[in-house]
Each structure stands twice: as structure tokens, then as C-alpha cells.
């Protein structure tokens, strides 16, 4: 009897502690939202637009190099990059390597839940038409304000695989970002609300960060409603339904997140931290670039360029929030990620089509040759 009472007290205390943490996080997020300034949208230099389009076209016109991205990553990072990692989670992958870490770096403590989820999801790879292609080019479309006015839409639509992030919209912005979506990569809070951002041929790739994310995915698959209690563990409201079939759903292999954060970026190993965050969680953007090196032979990106040294430029192509809003987030080391991506571009591993990280077409001579 005493043991059961003690057990109930412990459960109540744990739930109360979690609830308090959530309330504090909610207050923080609200404060950030209220404090975020709006910046004026500036006109883009027509010459810059011309060079960016010319550069992107030349990337597509060049001969595709099979296995280039994986080979280049292997040379650059040696044992810190595993060219054989699967992009998406499957039942066959639920081995010891996934048991070491908790989400988002592994599925320790969640294997049974995951097995039940994967029973409902029949596909674990790219669609056959893409997976059989001998040489694939990926483009990862970021949310950066640098995309606004670049008129790259028609060009990025010509890539074999277009990866979009979170709720970054296509509708109303096709001139700059295109309308093709092969993969929409997000976590529950980032899933688009508008059904216009979903189509019947794209993949929805979920990144699972916490227990509530598993519960959300289960509720979506089973057409159930999340309890009020479980909704408390999201920092913003989440969609209840996805206008997609089971065949379109994938779960990102958490070892991709682990490889991005702990191996390539060399962030500290995850551990208990009672106050604040370790800043060892990579953004969806840099994770998507590493994912692309596993999916495609050549990798490009556009719309990247978060620069905390320029607080008064627009953050996104679809709103007028200022860059300074990113300086308040506690989870990601934005500047370290920027340096990694810049190094990848300079080493020729990936290509920056919009020039927000490292502009290869800003030199007039290079742009005209």
C-alpha cells in the first residue's frame, strides 16, 4: 500500500515539474514573439538576381557526378561520416545503434512505440522513380529572407529532389521558391496548417524530438485526437490531421541527426542539464543538408544565411521578422552551423545557389564566364 502511494506521489511530482517547465517555456516563447521587431523589405539588386540565376542554371547544365556528395563528405570527415546510413527509419534498422541515445539522436526507450508506428507506414525509401535514377541532384530550400526577389523558382523546380523545411510556404512565393516539393521535412510544431502546402506526390518526413512527437504521429496515423495534457508539451499548436496517405509518410533516421550534431558539428554529448540547454540540437536546415548528401549524388541549397551579425535584415522570405529574433532562441548554435555550411561550400561539397552563406557568383568575372 505504501509503495503504491509513493509511486503515485512520484508520478504527480514528475508531472507537476514537467508542467512548470512547460509554463516557463511558454512564457519565454511568448516574450520572444512579443519582442520580435519587423524589418523593412529591401529591393534586390537586379544584377545580383541575374548572376544568381545564371549560376544556378550552370549548376543544372553541368554533368551530374554519381556518388559525388558521399565521396566528398567521406574525404572531409573520415569516420565522422557514415556513407551507408539509411535516410529513413525502417523496422530492419531497430538495432543497437538506435538504442544508445534518446530522441532526437536515437530511439532509446521508444522502440516498442516505433515498431507499432512502422507497422502502419508501408514505405521506408524514396519513391521507385527517384530511387532508381542513376544520378540525382538535390536542392534544399531554406526559409531565409535572401530568397525573396531572386526569381529562382523555375530553376529549383528542375532539380530531381526538392527538400522544403517546416511550414515554409510555396503558395504565393512560387516565383522565388518554385512549386515542386519532393520532401517536406519537419517536426510536429512545424507542419504546415494550410492544406495547399501538401500534395499527393510529396513525402512528409517527420523528425521526432520528444515523447509528445511520438504521440502526435500515432494520433495522426490512427486518426485520433491528442489529449489536452499531451498538447501541453508542444511549444505551439500542432495540426491534428495530415491530408496525406500512409505511403507518403517517413520518419527521419535519428542517426542522421546524431551524425550532424555529435559527429560533424562535434557538439557535446547529450546529458542532463537542469537549467538552460546545451545547444547541441542542430536546426532542421543543416540536418536537411546532411540528409541530402545521403539521398543524392549532388547537393545544392538556397535560402540559407542566418547571420546574427546583421540583426536588421529580414529573417524569412515569407514575412518581415528581423534577424535579431534568432538571437533569442536557446536551442541552436546558429553561427557554428553557418561556419560548417560555409566550409562545405568552399570545399565544393555542396553549392549555395542564393549566395547567403558563401557567394560563388558575386565576382563579376566568375558570373560572366
Protein backbone atom coordinates (compact mmCIF):
# COMPACT_ATOMS: atom_id res chain seq x y z
CA UNK A 1 0.00 0.00 0.00
CA UNK A 2 2.75 2.44 0.99
CA UNK A 3 4.66 1.59 -2.16
CA UNK A 4 1.67 2.37 -4.40
CA UNK A 5 1.09 5.70 -2.59
CA UNK A 6 4.77 6.58 -3.01
CA UNK A 7 4.58 5.67 -6.68
CA UNK A 8 1.53 7.92 -7.19
CA UNK A 9 3.26 10.79 -5.39
CA UNK A 10 6.34 10.42 -7.58
CA UNK A 11 4.23 10.43 -10.73
CA UNK A 12 2.35 13.54 -9.58
CA UNK A 13 5.61 15.32 -8.69
CA UNK A 14 7.14 14.47 -12.06
CA UNK A 15 4.07 15.71 -13.94
CA UNK A 16 3.98 18.89 -11.87
CA UNK A 17 7.68 19.52 -12.60
CA UNK A 18 7.16 18.96 -16.33
CA UNK A 19 4.13 21.26 -16.27
CA UNK A 20 6.16 24.02 -14.57
CA UNK A 21 8.92 23.68 -17.16
CA UNK A 22 6.32 23.93 -19.91
CA UNK A 23 4.78 27.09 -18.40
CA UNK A 24 8.20 28.74 -18.14
CA UNK A 25 8.98 27.77 -21.73
CA UNK A 26 5.60 29.09 -22.87
CA UNK A 27 6.22 32.43 -21.15
CA UNK A 28 9.65 32.61 -22.80
CA UNK A 29 8.26 31.89 -26.26
CA UNK A 30 5.52 34.49 -25.78
CA UNK A 31 8.09 37.07 -24.72
CA UNK A 32 10.23 36.33 -27.76
CA UNK A 33 7.19 36.65 -30.00
CA UNK A 34 6.15 39.96 -28.47
CA UNK A 35 9.67 41.39 -28.60
CA UNK A 36 10.37 40.43 -32.22
CA UNK A 37 10.72 43.52 -34.39
CA UNK A 38 9.66 43.86 -38.01
CA UNK A 39 12.16 44.91 -40.66
CA UNK A 40 11.57 46.66 -43.95
CA UNK A 41 11.85 44.51 -47.07
CA UNK A 42 14.54 45.95 -49.32
CA UNK A 43 14.72 45.68 -53.10
CA UNK A 44 17.16 43.18 -54.57
CA UNK A 45 19.90 44.39 -56.87
CA UNK A 46 18.86 43.29 -60.41
CA UNK A 47 22.49 42.44 -61.19
CA UNK A 48 22.61 40.09 -58.19
CA UNK A 49 19.41 38.40 -59.40
CA UNK A 50 20.88 37.98 -62.88
CA UNK A 51 24.08 36.42 -61.55
CA UNK A 52 22.26 34.09 -59.15
CA UNK A 53 20.01 32.76 -61.93
CA UNK A 54 22.92 32.34 -64.32
CA UNK A 55 24.93 30.48 -61.68
CA UNK A 56 22.02 28.15 -60.78
CA UNK A 57 21.41 27.33 -64.45
CA UNK A 58 25.08 26.41 -64.93
CA UNK A 59 24.89 24.05 -61.95
CA UNK A 60 22.00 22.21 -63.61
CA UNK A 61 23.59 22.23 -67.07
CA UNK A 62 26.81 20.58 -65.86
CA UNK A 63 27.14 16.79 -65.96
CA UNK A 64 25.84 15.06 -62.84
CA UNK A 65 28.59 13.24 -60.89
CA UNK A 66 27.43 9.92 -59.39
CA UNK A 67 28.22 9.41 -55.66
CA UNK A 68 29.99 12.80 -55.54
CA UNK A 69 28.43 14.11 -52.31
CA UNK A 70 29.08 10.96 -50.27
CA UNK A 71 32.66 10.67 -51.54
CA UNK A 72 33.39 14.31 -50.75
CA UNK A 73 31.86 14.04 -47.27
CA UNK A 74 33.88 10.89 -46.61
CA UNK A 75 37.13 12.59 -47.58
CA UNK A 76 36.29 15.63 -45.47
CA UNK A 77 35.07 13.96 -42.28
CA UNK A 78 36.57 10.46 -42.48
CA UNK A 79 34.97 8.20 -39.82
CA UNK A 80 32.70 11.02 -38.63
CA UNK A 81 30.52 10.50 -41.72
CA UNK A 82 28.83 7.16 -42.45
CA UNK A 83 28.01 6.91 -46.16
CA UNK A 84 25.89 3.81 -45.51
CA UNK A 85 23.35 5.44 -43.20
CA UNK A 86 19.74 4.96 -44.27
CA UNK A 87 17.84 8.23 -44.65
CA UNK A 88 14.58 6.99 -43.14
CA UNK A 89 13.74 4.68 -40.24
CA UNK A 90 12.59 1.14 -41.01
CA UNK A 91 11.77 -1.93 -38.90
CA UNK A 92 15.01 -3.54 -40.06
CA UNK A 93 17.02 -0.66 -38.56
CA UNK A 94 15.78 -1.02 -34.97
CA UNK A 95 19.10 -2.37 -33.75
CA UNK A 96 21.54 -1.45 -31.01
CA UNK A 97 22.72 1.71 -32.78
CA UNK A 98 19.29 3.29 -32.27
CA UNK A 99 19.17 2.32 -28.59
CA UNK A 100 22.10 4.37 -27.30
CA UNK A 101 20.54 7.84 -27.30
CA UNK A 102 17.17 9.37 -26.54
CA UNK A 103 15.49 11.46 -29.29
CA UNK A 104 16.45 13.24 -31.44
CA UNK A 105 19.76 11.30 -31.61
CA UNK A 106 18.27 7.82 -31.19
CA UNK A 107 15.13 5.96 -30.10
CA UNK A 108 16.20 4.61 -26.72
CA UNK A 109 13.04 3.84 -24.64
CA UNK A 110 10.84 4.25 -27.72
CA UNK A 111 11.48 1.10 -29.74
CA UNK A 112 8.13 -0.52 -28.95
CA UNK A 113 6.24 2.65 -29.83
CA UNK A 114 8.24 2.93 -33.02
CA UNK A 115 7.53 -0.65 -34.04
CA UNK A 116 3.79 -0.01 -33.70
CA UNK A 117 4.07 3.15 -35.79
CA UNK A 118 6.13 1.49 -38.54
CA UNK A 119 3.54 -1.27 -38.87
CA UNK A 120 1.17 1.37 -40.25
CA UNK A 121 3.74 3.04 -42.53
CA UNK A 122 4.39 0.71 -45.51
CA UNK A 123 7.18 2.66 -47.27
CA UNK A 124 10.66 3.46 -45.97
CA UNK A 125 12.54 4.75 -49.03
CA UNK A 126 12.26 7.24 -51.86
CA UNK A 127 9.57 6.52 -54.48
CA UNK A 128 10.81 3.99 -57.04
CA UNK A 129 11.02 6.51 -59.86
CA UNK A 130 13.55 8.53 -57.87
CA UNK A 131 15.47 5.77 -56.09
CA UNK A 132 16.26 4.08 -59.41
CA UNK A 133 17.62 7.25 -61.04
CA UNK A 134 21.35 6.83 -61.76
CA UNK A 135 22.39 10.32 -60.68
CA UNK A 136 20.19 12.58 -58.55
CA UNK A 137 20.51 16.27 -57.76
CA UNK A 138 19.00 17.61 -54.52
CA UNK A 139 18.19 21.18 -53.62
CA UNK A 140 17.35 22.12 -50.04
CA UNK A 141 15.14 25.22 -49.87
CA UNK A 142 15.69 27.17 -46.68
CA UNK A 143 13.44 29.87 -45.28
CA UNK A 144 15.91 32.75 -45.45
CA UNK A 145 14.87 36.23 -46.50
CA UNK A 146 17.65 36.20 -49.10
CA UNK A 147 15.34 34.15 -51.36
CA UNK A 148 12.83 36.98 -51.72
CA UNK A 149 13.11 38.57 -55.15
CA UNK A 150 15.75 36.17 -56.57
CA UNK A 151 13.35 34.63 -59.11
CA UNK A 152 14.88 31.15 -58.70
CA UNK A 153 11.56 29.29 -58.70
CA UNK A 154 11.62 27.78 -62.20
CA UNK A 155 15.26 26.75 -61.81
CA UNK A 156 14.94 24.95 -58.46
CA UNK A 157 11.91 23.08 -59.81
CA UNK A 158 14.25 21.38 -62.30
CA UNK A 159 16.20 19.56 -59.58
CA UNK A 160 15.39 15.88 -59.10
CA UNK A 161 14.62 16.27 -55.40
CA UNK A 162 13.40 19.44 -53.71
CA UNK A 163 13.50 19.41 -49.91
CA UNK A 164 11.43 22.02 -48.06
CA UNK A 165 11.55 22.73 -44.33
CA UNK A 166 8.82 23.05 -41.73
CA UNK A 167 5.94 25.33 -42.73
CA UNK A 168 7.87 27.46 -45.27
CA UNK A 169 5.15 28.18 -47.85
CA UNK A 170 5.10 27.61 -51.58
CA UNK A 171 1.74 29.28 -52.17
CA UNK A 172 2.23 32.93 -53.01
CA UNK A 173 6.02 32.57 -53.38
CA UNK A 174 6.49 30.22 -56.35
CA UNK A 175 8.30 32.91 -58.36
CA UNK A 176 11.18 32.76 -55.87
CA UNK A 177 10.98 29.26 -54.34
CA UNK A 178 9.28 27.14 -57.02
CA UNK A 179 6.26 24.89 -56.52
CA UNK A 180 7.82 21.42 -56.56
CA UNK A 181 8.06 19.60 -53.21
CA UNK A 182 9.61 16.16 -53.12
CA UNK A 183 10.17 16.13 -49.36
CA UNK A 184 8.66 18.28 -46.62
CA UNK A 185 10.89 17.77 -43.57
CA UNK A 186 9.53 18.96 -40.23
CA UNK A 187 8.66 18.25 -36.62
CA UNK A 188 5.03 18.40 -35.36
CA UNK A 189 5.01 22.11 -34.47
CA UNK A 190 6.45 22.95 -37.90
CA UNK A 191 3.91 21.06 -40.02
CA UNK A 192 2.02 23.42 -42.37
CA UNK A 193 -1.51 24.33 -41.35
CA UNK A 194 -2.70 25.11 -44.88
CA UNK A 195 -3.66 22.08 -46.96
CA UNK A 196 -2.38 23.96 -50.02
CA UNK A 197 1.17 23.13 -48.88
CA UNK A 198 0.57 19.38 -49.26
CA UNK A 199 0.32 17.39 -52.48
CA UNK A 200 -0.28 13.75 -53.36
CA UNK A 201 3.24 13.06 -54.65
CA UNK A 202 5.49 14.51 -51.93
CA UNK A 203 6.95 12.79 -48.86
CA UNK A 204 6.32 14.08 -45.34
CA UNK A 205 9.43 13.34 -43.26
CA UNK A 206 8.93 13.69 -39.51
CA UNK A 207 11.80 14.47 -37.15
CA UNK A 208 11.00 13.14 -33.66
CA UNK A 209 12.49 15.17 -30.81
CA UNK A 210 10.44 14.18 -27.76
CA UNK A 211 7.81 11.81 -26.37
CA UNK A 212 4.97 14.12 -27.40
CA UNK A 213 6.15 13.88 -31.04
CA UNK A 214 5.63 10.09 -30.99
CA UNK A 215 2.15 10.56 -29.52
CA UNK A 216 1.33 13.15 -32.19
CA UNK A 217 2.44 10.86 -35.01
CA UNK A 218 0.44 7.98 -33.56
CA UNK A 219 -2.66 10.17 -33.32
CA UNK A 220 -2.25 11.31 -36.94
CA UNK A 221 -1.83 7.74 -38.20
CA UNK A 222 -4.77 6.40 -36.19
CA UNK A 223 -6.98 9.44 -36.82
CA UNK A 224 -7.23 10.08 -33.09
CA UNK A 225 -7.25 13.30 -31.07
CA UNK A 226 -4.39 14.25 -28.76
CA UNK A 227 -5.36 14.74 -25.13
CA UNK A 228 -5.23 18.21 -23.62
CA UNK A 229 -2.42 17.01 -21.34
CA UNK A 230 -0.26 15.82 -24.26
CA UNK A 231 -0.84 19.09 -26.13
CA UNK A 232 0.85 20.95 -23.28
CA UNK A 233 4.22 19.58 -24.35
CA UNK A 234 4.27 21.41 -27.69
CA UNK A 235 5.56 24.98 -27.79
CA UNK A 236 2.86 25.90 -30.32
CA UNK A 237 -0.35 24.33 -31.60
CA UNK A 238 0.02 21.32 -33.91
CA UNK A 239 -2.15 20.12 -36.78
CA UNK A 240 -4.49 17.24 -35.98
CA UNK A 241 -4.70 15.78 -39.47
CA UNK A 242 -2.38 15.48 -42.47
CA UNK A 243 -4.01 15.38 -45.93
CA UNK A 244 -1.66 12.58 -46.98
CA UNK A 245 -1.67 8.81 -47.41
CA UNK A 246 0.37 6.44 -45.22
CA UNK A 247 2.65 5.79 -48.21
CA UNK A 248 3.78 9.41 -48.13
CA UNK A 249 4.94 9.36 -44.50
CA UNK A 250 8.51 8.76 -43.35
CA UNK A 251 10.44 9.09 -40.09
CA UNK A 252 13.91 10.59 -40.32
CA UNK A 253 16.62 8.19 -39.19
CA UNK A 254 17.76 9.75 -35.87
CA UNK A 255 21.32 8.71 -36.68
CA UNK A 256 21.26 11.46 -39.33
CA UNK A 257 20.60 13.98 -36.54
CA UNK A 258 23.26 12.32 -34.38
CA UNK A 259 25.77 12.39 -37.24
CA UNK A 260 25.01 16.07 -37.93
CA UNK A 261 25.26 17.19 -34.30
CA UNK A 262 27.65 14.91 -32.44
CA UNK A 263 29.97 13.77 -35.23
CA UNK A 264 30.21 16.52 -37.83
CA UNK A 265 29.47 19.61 -35.71
CA UNK A 266 31.11 17.90 -32.71
CA UNK A 267 28.54 19.18 -30.24
CA UNK A 268 28.77 17.90 -26.63
CA UNK A 269 27.23 14.52 -25.86
CA UNK A 270 23.66 14.78 -24.56
CA UNK A 271 23.31 14.81 -20.81
CA UNK A 272 21.12 16.07 -18.01
CA UNK A 273 21.04 19.85 -17.71
CA UNK A 274 18.61 21.33 -15.21
CA UNK A 275 18.90 24.95 -16.30
CA UNK A 276 19.09 26.05 -19.94
CA UNK A 277 20.13 23.97 -22.95
CA UNK A 278 23.38 22.50 -24.21
CA UNK A 279 22.84 23.96 -27.70
CA UNK A 280 23.63 20.55 -29.15
CA UNK A 281 20.44 20.27 -31.23
CA UNK A 282 21.04 21.06 -34.92
CA UNK A 283 18.49 23.07 -36.89
CA UNK A 284 16.23 21.34 -39.40
CA UNK A 285 18.15 23.21 -42.12
CA UNK A 286 21.67 21.89 -41.50
CA UNK A 287 20.21 18.42 -40.79
CA UNK A 288 18.45 18.53 -44.18
CA UNK A 289 21.72 19.35 -45.95
CA UNK A 290 23.43 16.34 -44.35
CA UNK A 291 20.38 14.20 -45.18
CA UNK A 292 20.63 15.36 -48.80
CA UNK A 293 24.22 14.06 -49.03
CA UNK A 294 22.83 10.61 -48.15
CA UNK A 295 19.97 10.81 -50.65
CA UNK A 296 21.56 12.50 -53.66
CA UNK A 297 24.71 12.43 -55.75
CA UNK A 298 24.98 16.23 -55.85
CA UNK A 299 23.60 18.72 -53.33
CA UNK A 300 22.69 22.40 -53.65
CA UNK A 301 20.77 24.70 -51.37
CA UNK A 302 19.10 28.12 -51.47
CA UNK A 303 17.63 30.37 -48.82
CA UNK A 304 20.28 29.78 -46.15
CA UNK A 305 22.13 32.61 -44.48
CA UNK A 306 21.04 33.33 -40.93
CA UNK A 307 23.60 35.92 -39.84
CA UNK A 308 23.32 37.23 -36.28
CA UNK A 309 25.83 39.96 -37.18
CA UNK A 310 23.11 41.55 -39.35
CA UNK A 311 20.17 41.91 -36.94
CA UNK A 312 18.19 44.33 -39.13
CA UNK A 313 17.73 42.21 -42.25
CA UNK A 314 14.62 40.08 -42.83
CA UNK A 315 14.70 36.58 -41.36
CA UNK A 316 12.31 34.78 -43.74
CA UNK A 317 11.22 35.16 -47.36
CA UNK A 318 7.57 34.90 -46.31
CA UNK A 319 7.40 37.50 -43.51
CA UNK A 320 9.22 40.60 -42.27
CA UNK A 321 10.58 39.38 -38.95
CA UNK A 322 14.08 40.68 -38.24
CA UNK A 323 17.19 38.53 -37.98
CA UNK A 324 17.57 39.50 -34.32
CA UNK A 325 14.67 37.13 -33.50
CA UNK A 326 17.09 34.20 -33.99
CA UNK A 327 19.48 35.51 -31.34
CA UNK A 328 16.89 34.82 -28.63
CA UNK A 329 16.42 31.13 -29.36
CA UNK A 330 18.28 28.90 -26.88
CA UNK A 331 18.47 25.57 -28.73
CA UNK A 332 20.77 26.03 -31.74
CA UNK A 333 24.31 27.27 -32.33
CA UNK A 334 23.49 29.24 -35.47
CA UNK A 335 26.96 30.65 -36.06
CA UNK A 336 28.68 27.27 -35.74
CA UNK A 337 26.25 25.78 -38.24
CA UNK A 338 26.90 28.67 -40.59
CA UNK A 339 30.64 28.05 -40.44
CA UNK A 340 30.12 24.35 -41.21
CA UNK A 341 27.93 25.06 -44.26
CA UNK A 342 30.37 27.71 -45.45
CA UNK A 343 33.18 25.19 -45.23
CA UNK A 344 31.14 22.65 -47.22
CA UNK A 345 30.59 25.24 -49.96
CA UNK A 346 34.23 26.35 -50.06
CA UNK A 347 35.38 22.73 -50.29
CA UNK A 348 32.99 22.19 -53.21
CA UNK A 349 30.91 19.55 -51.41
CA UNK A 350 27.63 21.49 -51.77
CA UNK A 351 26.56 24.55 -53.78
CA UNK A 352 24.98 27.75 -52.48
CA UNK A 353 22.54 28.93 -55.17
CA UNK A 354 21.42 32.11 -53.40
CA UNK A 355 24.80 33.22 -52.02
CA UNK A 356 23.65 33.73 -48.44
CA UNK A 357 26.42 31.59 -46.91
CA UNK A 358 29.23 31.87 -49.44
CA UNK A 359 28.62 33.63 -52.74
CA UNK A 360 30.42 31.95 -55.62
CA UNK A 361 28.82 34.20 -58.26
CA UNK A 362 29.36 37.61 -56.66
CA UNK A 363 32.65 38.03 -58.51
CA UNK A 364 31.61 39.51 -61.86
CA UNK A 365 34.28 37.67 -63.80
CA UNK A 366 33.14 34.30 -62.50
CA UNK A 367 29.49 35.11 -63.17
CA UNK A 368 30.15 36.08 -66.77
CA UNK A 369 32.36 33.11 -67.69
